[in-house]
Amino acid sequence: MTKIKLTAGPFEFEGLLETENAPLTCAAFLKRMPFESRAVHVRWSGEGVWMPLGDYDFDVGHENSTSYPAPGQIILYPGGLSETEILVAYGGVHFASKVGQLAGNHFVTLTNNLDKLPELGRLALWEGAQKIVFSLSD
């Protein structure tokens, strides 16, 4: 499996790309690495931070989709009913938007510092958007 590093605000996490379960999403994401954005606290989905990406096109459909990512799971919603987005779950999530429930492609699972994820969530909620960078790990 391909290892990645996620730097979000002052926190660093390591993770694995879910290449077996979401090969098209992982391949599309790898082409865009390092991927940099800003993460804000989710509006409707519960305990997560998200990167709203508007009409950004990863040119993938749905695969390995879930509406309930577990803490440490990262999903990509490729667009359609709502805008393209990436969500990082830090607690209970029921993935949704103003149009209702959505399902995103689970393509990354974080493997360390999971105890820091709620701190990232609180920071984004109370202090605002946090810089977030996905890069390949050594």
N, C-alpha and C. Protein backbone atom coordinates (compact mmCIF):
# COMPACT_ATOMS: atom_id res chain seq x y z
N MET A 1 0.83 -1.19 0.00
CA MET A 1 0.00 0.00 0.00
C MET A 1 0.88 1.25 0.00
N THR A 2 0.36 2.29 -0.60
CA THR A 2 1.08 3.55 -0.67
C THR A 2 0.85 4.36 0.60
N LYS A 3 1.95 4.81 1.21
CA LYS A 3 1.87 5.60 2.43
C LYS A 3 1.81 7.08 2.08
N ILE A 4 0.99 7.80 2.84
CA ILE A 4 0.93 9.24 2.65
C ILE A 4 1.12 9.94 3.99
N LYS A 5 1.43 11.22 3.89
CA LYS A 5 1.52 12.07 5.07
C LYS A 5 0.45 13.14 4.92
N LEU A 6 -0.27 13.41 5.99
CA LEU A 6 -1.26 14.47 6.02
C LEU A 6 -0.83 15.48 7.07
N THR A 7 -0.59 16.70 6.63
CA THR A 7 -0.30 17.79 7.55
C THR A 7 -1.54 18.67 7.57
N ALA A 8 -2.14 18.81 8.76
CA ALA A 8 -3.38 19.57 8.90
C ALA A 8 -3.24 20.51 10.09
N GLY A 9 -3.21 21.82 9.80
CA GLY A 9 -2.93 22.75 10.88
C GLY A 9 -1.58 22.39 11.48
N PRO A 10 -1.47 22.32 12.82
CA PRO A 10 -0.20 21.98 13.46
C PRO A 10 0.04 20.47 13.62
N PHE A 11 -0.84 19.65 13.08
CA PHE A 11 -0.78 18.20 13.30
C PHE A 11 -0.27 17.46 12.07
N GLU A 12 0.42 16.33 12.32
CA GLU A 12 0.86 15.46 11.25
C GLU A 12 0.31 14.06 11.49
N PHE A 13 -0.14 13.45 10.40
CA PHE A 13 -0.69 12.10 10.44
C PHE A 13 -0.08 11.31 9.30
N GLU A 14 -0.02 9.99 9.48
CA GLU A 14 0.38 9.10 8.41
C GLU A 14 -0.83 8.26 8.05
N GLY A 15 -0.87 7.83 6.80
CA GLY A 15 -2.00 7.02 6.37
C GLY A 15 -1.64 6.15 5.20
N LEU A 16 -2.61 5.34 4.82
CA LEU A 16 -2.45 4.44 3.68
C LEU A 16 -3.53 4.72 2.66
N LEU A 17 -3.13 4.77 1.39
CA LEU A 17 -4.11 4.86 0.33
C LEU A 17 -4.80 3.51 0.18
N GLU A 18 -6.09 3.53 0.02
CA GLU A 18 -6.90 2.31 -0.12
C GLU A 18 -6.92 1.87 -1.58
N THR A 19 -5.73 1.51 -2.10
CA THR A 19 -5.59 1.22 -3.53
C THR A 19 -6.36 -0.01 -3.98
N GLU A 20 -6.56 -0.97 -3.11
CA GLU A 20 -7.32 -2.17 -3.49
C GLU A 20 -8.81 -1.89 -3.58
N ASN A 21 -9.33 -1.08 -2.66
CA ASN A 21 -10.77 -0.84 -2.60
C ASN A 21 -11.23 0.36 -3.42
N ALA A 22 -10.35 1.31 -3.67
CA ALA A 22 -10.69 2.52 -4.43
C ALA A 22 -9.56 2.86 -5.40
N PRO A 23 -9.27 1.95 -6.34
CA PRO A 23 -8.10 2.16 -7.21
C PRO A 23 -8.19 3.39 -8.10
N LEU A 24 -9.35 3.70 -8.63
CA LEU A 24 -9.47 4.85 -9.52
C LEU A 24 -9.34 6.16 -8.76
N THR A 25 -9.95 6.22 -7.58
CA THR A 25 -9.85 7.42 -6.76
C THR A 25 -8.42 7.65 -6.31
N CYS A 26 -7.75 6.58 -5.87
CA CYS A 26 -6.36 6.71 -5.43
C CYS A 26 -5.45 7.14 -6.57
N ALA A 27 -5.64 6.56 -7.75
CA ALA A 27 -4.81 6.94 -8.90
C ALA A 27 -5.02 8.40 -9.27
N ALA A 28 -6.27 8.85 -9.25
CA ALA A 28 -6.56 10.26 -9.58
C ALA A 28 -5.96 11.19 -8.53
N PHE A 29 -6.01 10.78 -7.27
CA PHE A 29 -5.46 11.61 -6.21
C PHE A 29 -3.94 11.66 -6.27
N LEU A 30 -3.31 10.52 -6.54
CA LEU A 30 -1.85 10.47 -6.66
C LEU A 30 -1.33 11.42 -7.73
N LYS A 31 -2.07 11.57 -8.83
CA LYS A 31 -1.66 12.47 -9.91
C LYS A 31 -1.62 13.92 -9.45
N ARG A 32 -2.34 14.22 -8.37
CA ARG A 32 -2.45 15.60 -7.91
C ARG A 32 -1.62 15.88 -6.65
N MET A 33 -0.80 14.90 -6.27
CA MET A 33 0.01 15.05 -5.06
C MET A 33 1.26 15.86 -5.36
N PRO A 34 1.73 16.72 -4.49
CA PRO A 34 1.07 17.01 -3.21
C PRO A 34 -0.22 17.79 -3.45
N PHE A 35 -1.23 17.49 -2.64
CA PHE A 35 -2.53 18.15 -2.76
C PHE A 35 -2.69 19.07 -1.57
N GLU A 36 -2.92 20.34 -1.84
CA GLU A 36 -3.00 21.34 -0.78
C GLU A 36 -4.35 22.03 -0.84
N SER A 37 -4.92 22.26 0.34
CA SER A 37 -6.21 22.95 0.43
C SER A 37 -6.32 23.57 1.81
N ARG A 38 -7.54 23.95 2.17
CA ARG A 38 -7.86 24.44 3.51
C ARG A 38 -9.05 23.64 4.01
N ALA A 39 -8.99 23.25 5.26
CA ALA A 39 -10.06 22.44 5.85
C ALA A 39 -10.84 23.27 6.86
N VAL A 40 -12.15 23.17 6.78
CA VAL A 40 -13.05 23.82 7.73
C VAL A 40 -13.91 22.74 8.38
N HIS A 41 -14.55 23.10 9.48
CA HIS A 41 -15.41 22.13 10.14
C HIS A 41 -16.65 21.88 9.29
N VAL A 42 -17.11 20.62 9.28
CA VAL A 42 -18.30 20.27 8.48
C VAL A 42 -19.53 21.03 8.98
N ARG A 43 -20.51 21.18 8.11
CA ARG A 43 -21.74 21.88 8.47
C ARG A 43 -22.84 20.92 8.91
N TRP A 44 -23.04 19.84 8.15
CA TRP A 44 -24.16 18.94 8.39
C TRP A 44 -23.75 17.55 8.84
N SER A 45 -22.51 17.18 8.65
CA SER A 45 -22.12 15.78 8.73
C SER A 45 -21.70 15.28 10.10
N GLY A 46 -21.53 16.13 11.08
CA GLY A 46 -21.13 15.66 12.40
C GLY A 46 -19.71 16.06 12.74
N GLU A 47 -18.89 15.06 13.08
CA GLU A 47 -17.54 15.31 13.57
C GLU A 47 -16.51 15.04 12.47
N GLY A 48 -16.26 16.07 11.69
CA GLY A 48 -15.30 15.97 10.60
C GLY A 48 -14.89 17.34 10.13
N VAL A 49 -13.82 17.37 9.37
CA VAL A 49 -13.41 18.58 8.67
C VAL A 49 -13.46 18.27 7.19
N TRP A 50 -13.72 19.31 6.40
CA TRP A 50 -13.85 19.07 4.96
C TRP A 50 -13.18 20.16 4.16
N MET A 51 -12.85 19.80 2.94
CA MET A 51 -12.28 20.72 1.98
C MET A 51 -13.29 20.88 0.85
N PRO A 52 -14.03 22.00 0.84
CA PRO A 52 -14.96 22.24 -0.27
C PRO A 52 -14.17 22.58 -1.53
N LEU A 53 -14.41 21.84 -2.61
CA LEU A 53 -13.60 21.99 -3.82
C LEU A 53 -14.41 22.46 -5.02
N GLY A 54 -15.66 22.87 -4.80
CA GLY A 54 -16.45 23.43 -5.90
C GLY A 54 -16.63 22.44 -7.04
N ASP A 55 -16.27 22.87 -8.25
CA ASP A 55 -16.45 22.01 -9.42
C ASP A 55 -15.15 21.30 -9.82
N TYR A 56 -14.19 21.22 -8.89
CA TYR A 56 -12.93 20.50 -9.15
C TYR A 56 -13.26 19.08 -9.59
N ASP A 57 -12.67 18.64 -10.68
CA ASP A 57 -13.02 17.35 -11.26
C ASP A 57 -11.87 16.35 -11.13
N PHE A 58 -12.07 15.33 -10.31
CA PHE A 58 -11.10 14.25 -10.19
C PHE A 58 -11.30 13.20 -11.28
N ASP A 59 -12.38 13.33 -12.04
CA ASP A 59 -12.70 12.42 -13.13
C ASP A 59 -12.82 10.97 -12.66
N VAL A 60 -13.51 10.79 -11.53
CA VAL A 60 -13.82 9.45 -11.02
C VAL A 60 -15.29 9.40 -10.64
N GLY A 61 -15.82 8.20 -10.62
CA GLY A 61 -17.18 7.98 -10.15
C GLY A 61 -17.14 7.49 -8.72
N HIS A 62 -18.19 6.81 -8.34
CA HIS A 62 -18.27 6.28 -6.98
C HIS A 62 -17.65 4.89 -6.91
N GLU A 63 -16.82 4.69 -5.89
CA GLU A 63 -16.25 3.38 -5.58
C GLU A 63 -15.92 3.35 -4.10
N ASN A 64 -16.10 2.21 -3.48
CA ASN A 64 -15.83 2.06 -2.05
C ASN A 64 -16.52 3.17 -1.25
N SER A 65 -17.77 3.45 -1.62
CA SER A 65 -18.50 4.58 -1.05
C SER A 65 -19.09 4.28 0.30
N THR A 66 -19.11 5.31 1.14
CA THR A 66 -19.73 5.22 2.45
C THR A 66 -20.33 6.57 2.83
N SER A 67 -21.38 6.52 3.62
CA SER A 67 -21.96 7.72 4.22
C SER A 67 -21.54 7.85 5.68
N TYR A 68 -20.86 6.81 6.19
CA TYR A 68 -20.50 6.76 7.61
C TYR A 68 -19.02 6.44 7.79
N PRO A 69 -18.12 7.34 7.38
CA PRO A 69 -16.70 7.06 7.58
C PRO A 69 -16.36 7.05 9.07
N ALA A 70 -15.50 6.13 9.44
CA ALA A 70 -15.04 6.02 10.83
C ALA A 70 -13.94 7.05 11.08
N PRO A 71 -13.68 7.37 12.35
CA PRO A 71 -12.58 8.29 12.65
C PRO A 71 -11.27 7.81 12.01
N GLY A 72 -10.63 8.74 11.30
CA GLY A 72 -9.38 8.41 10.61
C GLY A 72 -9.58 8.03 9.15
N GLN A 73 -10.82 7.86 8.73
CA GLN A 73 -11.08 7.57 7.33
C GLN A 73 -11.31 8.88 6.58
N ILE A 74 -10.79 8.93 5.36
CA ILE A 74 -10.92 10.11 4.52
C ILE A 74 -11.69 9.71 3.27
N ILE A 75 -12.70 10.52 2.93
CA ILE A 75 -13.52 10.22 1.76
C ILE A 75 -13.47 11.38 0.77
N LEU A 76 -13.64 11.02 -0.49
CA LEU A 76 -13.74 11.99 -1.58
C LEU A 76 -15.13 11.88 -2.18
N TYR A 77 -15.85 12.99 -2.18
CA TYR A 77 -17.12 13.03 -2.89
C TYR A 77 -16.81 13.64 -4.26
N PRO A 78 -17.00 12.87 -5.36
CA PRO A 78 -16.56 13.34 -6.67
C PRO A 78 -17.50 14.35 -7.33
N GLY A 79 -18.52 14.79 -6.63
CA GLY A 79 -19.44 15.76 -7.20
C GLY A 79 -20.70 15.09 -7.70
N GLY A 80 -21.64 15.91 -8.09
CA GLY A 80 -22.92 15.40 -8.58
C GLY A 80 -24.05 16.18 -7.94
N LEU A 81 -24.61 15.65 -6.87
CA LEU A 81 -25.70 16.33 -6.17
C LEU A 81 -25.20 17.55 -5.41
N SER A 82 -23.97 17.52 -5.00
CA SER A 82 -23.34 18.60 -4.25
C SER A 82 -21.96 18.83 -4.86
N GLU A 83 -21.22 19.78 -4.32
CA GLU A 83 -19.91 20.07 -4.86
C GLU A 83 -18.89 18.98 -4.52
N THR A 84 -17.81 18.95 -5.25
CA THR A 84 -16.70 18.05 -4.96
C THR A 84 -16.12 18.43 -3.60
N GLU A 85 -15.79 17.40 -2.80
CA GLU A 85 -15.21 17.69 -1.49
C GLU A 85 -14.43 16.49 -0.98
N ILE A 86 -13.55 16.78 -0.03
CA ILE A 86 -12.83 15.74 0.71
C ILE A 86 -13.18 15.94 2.17
N LEU A 87 -13.47 14.85 2.88
CA LEU A 87 -13.85 14.91 4.29
C LEU A 87 -12.94 14.01 5.10
N VAL A 88 -12.47 14.52 6.23
CA VAL A 88 -11.68 13.75 7.20
C VAL A 88 -12.54 13.57 8.44
N ALA A 89 -12.88 12.34 8.75
CA ALA A 89 -13.71 12.06 9.93
C ALA A 89 -12.83 12.01 11.18
N TYR A 90 -13.29 12.68 12.25
CA TYR A 90 -12.58 12.58 13.53
C TYR A 90 -13.47 11.99 14.61
N GLY A 91 -14.72 11.79 14.33
CA GLY A 91 -15.68 11.20 15.27
C GLY A 91 -16.85 10.66 14.48
N GLY A 92 -18.04 10.72 15.06
CA GLY A 92 -19.22 10.22 14.37
C GLY A 92 -19.60 11.11 13.18
N VAL A 93 -19.70 10.49 12.01
CA VAL A 93 -20.05 11.22 10.78
C VAL A 93 -21.20 10.51 10.08
N HIS A 94 -22.17 11.30 9.66
CA HIS A 94 -23.23 10.89 8.75
C HIS A 94 -23.13 11.88 7.59
N PHE A 95 -22.40 11.50 6.56
CA PHE A 95 -22.02 12.40 5.48
C PHE A 95 -23.25 12.94 4.75
N ALA A 96 -23.37 14.27 4.72
CA ALA A 96 -24.54 14.90 4.11
C ALA A 96 -24.20 16.31 3.66
N SER A 97 -25.12 16.88 2.90
CA SER A 97 -25.03 18.28 2.47
C SER A 97 -26.43 18.87 2.56
N LYS A 98 -26.60 20.08 2.06
CA LYS A 98 -27.91 20.70 2.12
C LYS A 98 -28.95 19.96 1.28
N VAL A 99 -28.51 19.07 0.39
CA VAL A 99 -29.46 18.28 -0.41
C VAL A 99 -29.76 16.93 0.24
N GLY A 100 -29.12 16.62 1.36
CA GLY A 100 -29.37 15.36 2.06
C GLY A 100 -28.14 14.47 2.12
N GLN A 101 -28.37 13.20 2.42
CA GLN A 101 -27.29 12.22 2.59
C GLN A 101 -26.51 12.04 1.30
N LEU A 102 -25.18 11.95 1.46
CA LEU A 102 -24.27 11.69 0.35
C LEU A 102 -23.42 10.47 0.70
N ALA A 103 -22.72 9.94 -0.28
CA ALA A 103 -21.74 8.87 -0.07
C ALA A 103 -20.46 9.27 -0.77
N GLY A 104 -19.35 9.15 -0.06
CA GLY A 104 -18.05 9.49 -0.62
C GLY A 104 -17.15 8.27 -0.70
N ASN A 105 -16.14 8.35 -1.56
CA ASN A 105 -15.20 7.26 -1.77
C ASN A 105 -14.16 7.23 -0.65
N HIS A 106 -14.18 6.17 0.15
CA HIS A 106 -13.17 6.00 1.20
C HIS A 106 -11.87 5.61 0.50
N PHE A 107 -10.89 6.54 0.51
CA PHE A 107 -9.66 6.30 -0.24
C PHE A 107 -8.39 6.42 0.59
N VAL A 108 -8.50 6.91 1.83
CA VAL A 108 -7.34 6.99 2.72
C VAL A 108 -7.78 6.57 4.12
N THR A 109 -6.93 5.82 4.80
CA THR A 109 -7.13 5.50 6.21
C THR A 109 -5.90 5.97 6.97
N LEU A 110 -6.12 6.87 7.92
CA LEU A 110 -5.01 7.35 8.75
C LEU A 110 -4.62 6.26 9.74
N THR A 111 -3.31 6.17 10.03
CA THR A 111 -2.80 5.06 10.85
C THR A 111 -2.11 5.50 12.13
N ASN A 112 -1.92 6.80 12.32
CA ASN A 112 -1.28 7.23 13.58
C ASN A 112 -1.85 8.57 14.02
N ASN A 113 -1.60 8.91 15.27
CA ASN A 113 -2.04 10.17 15.86
C ASN A 113 -3.55 10.37 15.79
N LEU A 114 -4.32 9.29 15.76
CA LEU A 114 -5.78 9.41 15.69
C LEU A 114 -6.33 10.19 16.89
N ASP A 115 -5.63 10.15 18.00
CA ASP A 115 -6.07 10.91 19.18
C ASP A 115 -5.98 12.42 18.96
N LYS A 116 -5.25 12.85 17.94
CA LYS A 116 -5.12 14.28 17.63
C LYS A 116 -6.24 14.77 16.71
N LEU A 117 -6.98 13.85 16.10
CA LEU A 117 -8.03 14.25 15.17
C LEU A 117 -9.11 15.13 15.81
N PRO A 118 -9.61 14.79 17.03
CA PRO A 118 -10.60 15.69 17.65
C PRO A 118 -10.03 17.09 17.92
N GLU A 119 -8.73 17.17 18.21
CA GLU A 119 -8.12 18.49 18.41
C GLU A 119 -8.13 19.28 17.10
N LEU A 120 -7.87 18.61 15.99
CA LEU A 120 -7.96 19.27 14.69
C LEU A 120 -9.38 19.76 14.45
N GLY A 121 -10.37 18.93 14.78
CA GLY A 121 -11.76 19.33 14.63
C GLY A 121 -12.11 20.57 15.45
N ARG A 122 -11.70 20.57 16.71
CA ARG A 122 -11.97 21.74 17.56
C ARG A 122 -11.27 22.98 17.04
N LEU A 123 -10.04 22.82 16.57
CA LEU A 123 -9.28 23.95 16.05
C LEU A 123 -10.00 24.55 14.83
N ALA A 124 -10.45 23.69 13.91
CA ALA A 124 -11.15 24.18 12.72
C ALA A 124 -12.48 24.82 13.09
N LEU A 125 -13.16 24.26 14.10
CA LEU A 125 -14.46 24.80 14.51
C LEU A 125 -14.31 26.19 15.14
N TRP A 126 -13.34 26.34 16.04
CA TRP A 126 -13.23 27.57 16.81
C TRP A 126 -12.25 28.59 16.24
N GLU A 127 -11.27 28.13 15.46
CA GLU A 127 -10.27 29.06 14.93
C GLU A 127 -10.38 29.26 13.42
N GLY A 128 -11.18 28.44 12.75
CA GLY A 128 -11.38 28.61 11.31
C GLY A 128 -10.53 27.68 10.47
N ALA A 129 -10.50 27.98 9.18
CA ALA A 129 -9.86 27.13 8.18
C ALA A 129 -8.40 26.85 8.52
N GLN A 130 -8.02 25.59 8.34
CA GLN A 130 -6.65 25.14 8.59
C GLN A 130 -6.03 24.66 7.29
N LYS A 131 -4.77 25.04 7.08
CA LYS A 131 -4.04 24.55 5.91
C LYS A 131 -3.92 23.05 6.02
N ILE A 132 -4.10 22.36 4.89
CA ILE A 132 -4.01 20.91 4.88
C ILE A 132 -3.25 20.48 3.63
N VAL A 133 -2.29 19.58 3.80
CA VAL A 133 -1.45 19.12 2.70
C VAL A 133 -1.34 17.60 2.75
N PHE A 134 -1.65 16.97 1.63
CA PHE A 134 -1.44 15.53 1.45
C PHE A 134 -0.18 15.37 0.62
N SER A 135 0.75 14.53 1.09
CA SER A 135 1.98 14.27 0.32
C SER A 135 2.36 12.81 0.50
N LEU A 136 3.25 12.36 -0.36
CA LEU A 136 3.75 11.00 -0.24
C LEU A 136 4.67 10.90 0.96
N SER A 137 4.58 9.78 1.67
CA SER A 137 5.41 9.55 2.84
C SER A 137 6.62 8.72 2.46
N ASP A 138 7.69 8.89 3.21
CA ASP A 138 8.91 8.12 2.96
C ASP A 138 8.74 6.67 3.34
